[in-house]
């Protein structure tokens, strides 16, 4: 039972009690106002976050809407980076190789390119990559192959049709102007391990700054694959930030990223975000046991036509 000092006058006790009650009401009211203000801010921010752009030519279905909360006392990216490093460790420990159909769309020099569809084979150690374009028509049949530490560091490539196909197979640096034509990243950066590494690097960089919101949804999907989705938004355009919104979907069973997209800030105030890049890994087959033959340009299943 609460008691007061025996020598305290009754009137003073009454005023002290009312003062404490008044202060409690002030604190409670301030807390309510803060919660309401945060809710308004988050709802406003959420309206600016577009739906995930899962390509229509990928598996049927679409991810659910992202849910989540705004900044906490710690930087919002702390938990995201911890999760990303668990994904990275899983890839390093469990994934030796894989095949997939990759759907990608990239903005090059301010112009959004067409949706490209590629069949890929990836081996993590030594890093090896083979890709064959399935669409669009202008790229269909184009092949490229790269093996780290082999072929003097060059990749094999040939066009699928048209005048460029008359040139035949060429060996070119993967970061050279010919190889990078119409591509945001070189072939050496292909694959889920490289994607995860790049996202961690960007997250570590952005963690130095504030102005960041994070939404997580553990009930998202890409096609019929249950995923955890993470959406990161920088509400204000700053020189330090690479993107306005980035979203990654991690397959919950395999613990690998299977969809990623990033947006730039709107061209006009209140306008829609500008798609920068997106990649979706479909028909993913993990650890099929790829061998050196799968990354040999003389493989008769390929069309490099080397002598």
Protein backbone atom coordinates (compact mmCIF):
# COMPACT_ATOMS: atom_id res chain seq x y z
CA UNK A 1 0.00 0.00 0.00
CA UNK A 2 1.29 3.45 -0.92
CA UNK A 3 2.09 5.80 1.96
CA UNK A 4 3.34 9.35 2.25
CA UNK A 5 5.64 11.00 4.74
CA UNK A 6 3.76 11.35 8.07
CA UNK A 7 4.67 15.06 8.36
CA UNK A 8 3.41 15.92 4.85
CA UNK A 9 0.34 18.22 4.99
CA UNK A 10 -2.89 16.72 3.48
CA UNK A 11 -3.13 19.47 0.83
CA UNK A 12 0.44 18.88 -0.32
CA UNK A 13 -0.26 15.14 -0.63
CA UNK A 14 -3.30 15.85 -2.78
CA UNK A 15 -1.42 18.23 -5.08
CA UNK A 16 1.46 15.76 -5.42
CA UNK A 17 -0.93 12.99 -6.39
CA UNK A 18 -2.66 15.18 -8.97
CA UNK A 19 0.75 16.22 -10.35
CA UNK A 20 1.80 12.63 -10.80
CA UNK A 21 -1.49 11.80 -12.52
CA UNK A 22 -1.10 14.82 -14.82
CA UNK A 23 2.43 13.79 -15.80
CA UNK A 24 1.25 10.24 -16.52
CA UNK A 25 -1.51 11.55 -18.79
CA UNK A 26 0.98 13.78 -20.61
CA UNK A 27 3.35 10.86 -21.20
CA UNK A 28 0.48 8.64 -22.35
CA UNK A 29 -0.84 11.29 -24.73
CA UNK A 30 2.62 11.85 -26.19
CA UNK A 31 3.03 8.13 -26.76
CA UNK A 32 -0.34 7.92 -28.54
CA UNK A 33 0.56 10.89 -30.76
CA UNK A 34 3.94 9.31 -31.61
CA UNK A 35 2.31 5.99 -32.53
CA UNK A 36 -0.33 7.70 -34.69
CA UNK A 37 2.31 9.83 -36.42
CA UNK A 38 4.47 6.78 -37.11
CA UNK A 39 1.46 4.97 -38.54
CA UNK A 40 0.68 7.86 -40.88
CA UNK A 41 4.31 8.01 -42.00
CA UNK A 42 4.48 4.28 -42.66
CA UNK A 43 1.20 4.24 -44.55
CA UNK A 44 2.43 7.12 -46.66
CA UNK A 45 5.73 5.34 -47.33
CA UNK A 46 3.99 2.06 -48.11
CA UNK A 47 1.89 3.70 -50.82
CA UNK A 48 5.10 4.57 -52.63
CA UNK A 49 6.34 0.99 -52.63
CA UNK A 50 5.31 -0.75 -55.87
CA UNK A 51 4.21 -4.35 -56.11
CA UNK A 52 7.00 -6.77 -56.88
CA UNK A 53 7.47 -7.07 -60.64
CA UNK A 54 7.61 -10.84 -61.02
CA UNK A 55 7.85 -11.33 -64.80
CA UNK A 56 4.65 -12.68 -66.35
CA UNK A 57 6.68 -15.22 -68.33
CA UNK A 58 7.97 -16.79 -65.13
CA UNK A 59 6.10 -19.31 -62.95
CA UNK A 60 2.40 -18.51 -62.41
CA UNK A 61 1.44 -16.51 -59.36
CA UNK A 62 2.67 -13.39 -57.64
CA UNK A 63 4.12 -12.52 -54.23
CA UNK A 64 1.87 -11.35 -51.44
CA UNK A 65 1.97 -7.75 -50.26
CA UNK A 66 4.89 -6.93 -48.03
CA UNK A 67 4.19 -6.21 -44.40
CA UNK A 68 6.48 -4.74 -41.80
CA UNK A 69 7.49 -1.87 -39.60
CA UNK A 70 9.64 1.20 -39.91
CA UNK A 71 12.95 2.06 -38.31
CA UNK A 72 13.74 0.77 -34.83
CA UNK A 73 16.33 1.93 -32.32
CA UNK A 74 18.98 -0.10 -34.16
CA UNK A 75 19.55 0.55 -37.84
CA UNK A 76 16.84 -1.34 -39.78
CA UNK A 77 19.46 -2.99 -41.99
CA UNK A 78 21.15 -4.78 -39.07
CA UNK A 79 18.66 -7.65 -39.03
CA UNK A 80 18.51 -7.75 -42.83
CA UNK A 81 22.29 -8.11 -43.08
CA UNK A 82 22.32 -10.88 -40.48
CA UNK A 83 19.73 -12.74 -42.54
CA UNK A 84 21.66 -12.11 -45.77
CA UNK A 85 24.84 -13.50 -44.25
CA UNK A 86 22.99 -16.67 -43.23
CA UNK A 87 21.85 -16.98 -46.85
CA UNK A 88 25.41 -16.43 -48.02
CA UNK A 89 26.76 -19.06 -45.63
CA UNK A 90 24.14 -21.55 -46.83
CA UNK A 91 25.12 -20.99 -50.46
CA UNK A 92 28.80 -21.43 -49.65
CA UNK A 93 28.22 -24.61 -47.64
CA UNK A 94 25.38 -26.29 -49.52
CA UNK A 95 25.34 -25.14 -53.15
CA UNK A 96 27.97 -26.59 -55.49
CA UNK A 97 26.25 -25.96 -58.83
CA UNK A 98 22.82 -25.41 -60.36
CA UNK A 99 20.87 -24.82 -63.53
CA UNK A 100 18.06 -22.31 -63.94
CA UNK A 101 16.08 -20.18 -66.33
CA UNK A 102 16.83 -16.55 -65.55
CA UNK A 103 14.48 -13.72 -66.48
CA UNK A 104 16.20 -10.37 -66.39
CA UNK A 105 15.46 -6.79 -67.34
CA UNK A 106 17.90 -3.92 -66.99
CA UNK A 107 18.02 -0.19 -67.57
CA UNK A 108 21.08 0.76 -69.63
CA UNK A 109 21.98 4.45 -70.12
CA UNK A 110 18.53 5.47 -68.96
CA UNK A 111 16.63 3.12 -71.30
CA UNK A 112 14.81 0.04 -70.01
CA UNK A 113 15.67 -2.97 -72.14
CA UNK A 114 13.37 -5.85 -73.02
CA UNK A 115 12.77 -8.80 -70.75
CA UNK A 116 15.50 -11.35 -71.49
CA UNK A 117 15.20 -15.08 -70.80
CA UNK A 118 18.34 -17.20 -70.45
CA UNK A 119 19.08 -20.80 -69.59
CA UNK A 120 22.13 -20.89 -67.31
CA UNK A 121 24.50 -23.40 -65.77
CA UNK A 122 26.54 -22.20 -62.80
CA UNK A 123 29.34 -23.91 -60.87
CA UNK A 124 30.63 -22.14 -57.79
CA UNK A 125 34.19 -23.56 -57.54
CA UNK A 126 35.95 -22.71 -59.74
CA UNK A 127 33.35 -20.18 -60.78
CA UNK A 128 32.03 -21.29 -64.15
CA UNK A 129 29.05 -20.04 -66.12
CA UNK A 130 27.27 -21.01 -69.31
CA UNK A 131 24.27 -19.11 -70.66
CA UNK A 132 22.02 -19.43 -73.67
CA UNK A 133 19.42 -16.82 -74.56
CA UNK A 134 15.88 -18.09 -75.16
CA UNK A 135 14.24 -14.69 -75.70
CA UNK A 136 13.73 -12.07 -77.04
CA UNK A 137 13.90 -13.07 -80.68
CA UNK A 138 16.87 -10.80 -81.41
CA UNK A 139 18.99 -12.63 -78.82
CA UNK A 140 17.60 -16.14 -79.15
CA UNK A 141 20.36 -18.72 -79.62
CA UNK A 142 23.15 -16.47 -78.35
CA UNK A 143 25.57 -18.35 -76.09
CA UNK A 144 28.35 -17.38 -73.71
CA UNK A 145 30.72 -19.40 -71.54
CA UNK A 146 33.24 -18.41 -68.88
CA UNK A 147 35.51 -20.36 -66.53
CA UNK A 148 37.56 -18.55 -63.88
CA UNK A 149 41.28 -19.11 -64.27
CA UNK A 150 40.98 -20.63 -67.76
CA UNK A 151 41.18 -19.46 -71.36
CA UNK A 152 43.44 -16.52 -70.48
CA UNK A 153 40.61 -14.98 -68.48
CA UNK A 154 38.41 -14.63 -71.57
CA UNK A 155 34.88 -15.79 -72.32
CA UNK A 156 33.56 -17.55 -75.40
CA UNK A 157 30.54 -15.95 -77.08
CA UNK A 158 28.61 -15.96 -80.30
CA UNK A 159 25.42 -14.27 -81.50
CA UNK A 160 22.34 -16.31 -82.23
CA UNK A 161 21.24 -14.73 -85.51
CA UNK A 162 21.67 -11.75 -87.80
CA UNK A 163 24.84 -10.16 -89.09
CA UNK A 164 26.66 -10.63 -85.77
CA UNK A 165 26.21 -14.39 -86.06
CA UNK A 166 28.34 -14.37 -89.22
CA UNK A 167 31.36 -13.45 -87.09
CA UNK A 168 31.11 -16.80 -85.31
CA UNK A 169 32.55 -17.52 -81.88
CA UNK A 170 34.89 -14.96 -80.37
CA UNK A 171 37.05 -14.93 -77.25
CA UNK A 172 36.70 -11.61 -75.46
CA UNK A 173 37.34 -10.15 -71.99
CA UNK A 174 34.16 -10.50 -69.90
CA UNK A 175 34.39 -6.86 -68.83
CA UNK A 176 35.25 -5.51 -72.28
CA UNK A 177 32.96 -3.20 -74.28
CA UNK A 178 31.71 -5.97 -76.58
CA UNK A 179 30.79 -8.32 -73.74
CA UNK A 180 29.16 -5.48 -71.78
CA UNK A 181 27.01 -4.27 -74.66
CA UNK A 182 23.46 -4.12 -73.32
CA UNK A 183 24.46 -5.57 -69.93
CA UNK A 184 24.70 -3.94 -66.50
CA UNK A 185 27.05 -6.59 -65.11
CA UNK A 186 29.74 -8.83 -66.63
CA UNK A 187 29.27 -12.57 -66.87
CA UNK A 188 31.69 -12.98 -63.97
CA UNK A 189 28.96 -11.51 -61.73
CA UNK A 190 26.24 -13.97 -62.78
CA UNK A 191 24.47 -16.17 -60.24
CA UNK A 192 22.83 -16.24 -56.82
CA UNK A 193 26.10 -16.18 -54.85
CA UNK A 194 27.29 -13.03 -56.61
CA UNK A 195 23.86 -11.43 -56.21
CA UNK A 196 23.90 -12.12 -52.46
CA UNK A 197 27.42 -10.74 -52.12
CA UNK A 198 26.51 -7.53 -53.96
CA UNK A 199 23.43 -7.00 -51.78
CA UNK A 200 25.49 -7.44 -48.61
CA UNK A 201 28.05 -4.93 -49.89
CA UNK A 202 25.33 -2.37 -50.61
CA UNK A 203 23.69 -3.03 -47.23
CA UNK A 204 26.97 -2.56 -45.35
CA UNK A 205 27.46 0.72 -47.21
CA UNK A 206 23.93 1.99 -46.56
CA UNK A 207 24.09 1.05 -42.87
CA UNK A 208 26.36 4.06 -42.36
CA UNK A 209 23.41 6.34 -43.04
CA UNK A 210 19.87 6.83 -41.77
CA UNK A 211 16.69 7.46 -43.78
CA UNK A 212 15.92 3.80 -44.30
CA UNK A 213 12.76 1.72 -44.00
CA UNK A 214 12.60 -2.06 -44.07
CA UNK A 215 9.60 -4.35 -44.62
CA UNK A 216 9.77 -8.13 -44.21
CA UNK A 217 7.15 -10.68 -45.21
CA UNK A 218 7.61 -14.36 -44.42
CA UNK A 219 4.48 -15.35 -46.36
CA UNK A 220 5.54 -14.12 -49.81
CA UNK A 221 5.74 -16.27 -52.91
CA UNK A 222 7.44 -16.34 -56.29
CA UNK A 223 5.29 -18.62 -58.40
CA UNK A 224 4.55 -21.56 -56.10
CA UNK A 225 7.75 -21.17 -54.06
CA UNK A 226 7.23 -19.88 -50.47
CA UNK A 227 9.64 -17.03 -49.80
CA UNK A 228 10.73 -14.43 -47.30
CA UNK A 229 10.67 -11.04 -48.97
CA UNK A 230 12.65 -8.02 -47.81
CA UNK A 231 11.93 -4.52 -49.09
CA UNK A 232 14.33 -1.67 -48.34
CA UNK A 233 13.44 1.94 -49.11
CA UNK A 234 15.44 5.18 -48.89
CA UNK A 235 12.69 7.83 -48.94
CA UNK A 236 14.98 10.69 -49.95
CA UNK A 237 17.42 10.80 -52.83
CA UNK A 238 20.94 11.25 -51.49
CA UNK A 239 24.30 10.94 -53.28
CA UNK A 240 25.26 8.08 -50.96
CA UNK A 241 22.30 5.87 -51.95
CA UNK A 242 22.39 3.67 -55.04
CA UNK A 243 18.68 2.92 -55.20
CA UNK A 244 15.31 4.19 -53.99
CA UNK A 245 13.70 0.78 -53.38
CA UNK A 246 15.25 -2.69 -53.44
CA UNK A 247 13.40 -5.94 -52.94
CA UNK A 248 14.73 -9.47 -52.56
CA UNK A 249 12.81 -12.76 -52.31
CA UNK A 250 14.61 -15.66 -50.59
CA UNK A 251 13.26 -19.18 -51.07
CA UNK A 252 12.38 -20.45 -47.60
CA UNK A 253 13.24 -24.10 -48.29
CA UNK A 254 16.44 -23.60 -50.24
CA UNK A 255 17.59 -20.39 -48.51
CA UNK A 256 18.72 -18.82 -51.78
CA UNK A 257 17.54 -15.60 -53.47
CA UNK A 258 15.25 -16.27 -56.44
CA UNK A 259 13.98 -12.77 -57.24
CA UNK A 260 15.52 -9.31 -56.94
CA UNK A 261 14.47 -5.91 -58.22
CA UNK A 262 15.61 -2.33 -57.65
CA UNK A 263 14.10 1.06 -58.46
CA UNK A 264 15.40 4.59 -58.85
CA UNK A 265 13.60 7.63 -57.49
CA UNK A 266 10.61 8.93 -59.51
CA UNK A 267 11.38 11.22 -62.45
CA UNK A 268 8.76 13.68 -61.19
CA UNK A 269 7.49 14.41 -57.66
CA UNK A 270 4.73 11.95 -56.84
CA UNK A 271 5.49 9.85 -59.90
CA UNK A 272 6.04 6.08 -59.96
CA UNK A 273 9.42 4.56 -59.09
CA UNK A 274 11.66 3.85 -62.08
CA UNK A 275 12.61 0.21 -62.55
CA UNK A 276 16.39 -0.13 -62.59
CA UNK A 277 16.90 -3.90 -62.74
CA UNK A 278 15.16 -7.17 -61.92
CA UNK A 279 16.18 -10.82 -61.98
CA UNK A 280 14.13 -13.96 -61.38
CA UNK A 281 15.53 -17.49 -61.10
CA UNK A 282 12.96 -20.07 -62.22
CA UNK A 283 13.15 -23.83 -62.82
CA UNK A 284 16.04 -23.88 -60.36
CA UNK A 285 17.78 -27.27 -59.96
CA UNK A 286 20.35 -27.33 -57.18
CA UNK A 287 23.45 -29.54 -57.18
CA UNK A 288 22.74 -31.51 -60.39
CA UNK A 289 26.41 -32.54 -60.54
CA UNK A 290 27.76 -30.36 -63.34
CA UNK A 291 31.20 -31.34 -64.67
CA UNK A 292 33.95 -29.79 -66.77
CA UNK A 293 32.08 -30.93 -69.88
CA UNK A 294 29.26 -28.52 -69.03
CA UNK A 295 31.73 -25.65 -69.26
CA UNK A 296 33.68 -26.82 -72.29
CA UNK A 297 33.02 -24.77 -75.47
CA UNK A 298 33.64 -27.98 -77.46
CA UNK A 299 30.58 -29.59 -75.86
CA UNK A 300 28.57 -30.94 -78.84
CA UNK A 301 25.34 -29.72 -77.21
CA UNK A 302 26.54 -26.14 -77.68
CA UNK A 303 26.90 -24.14 -80.87
CA UNK A 304 30.29 -22.49 -80.47
CA UNK A 305 31.51 -24.50 -83.46
CA UNK A 306 35.17 -24.42 -82.50
CA UNK A 307 37.70 -26.33 -84.56
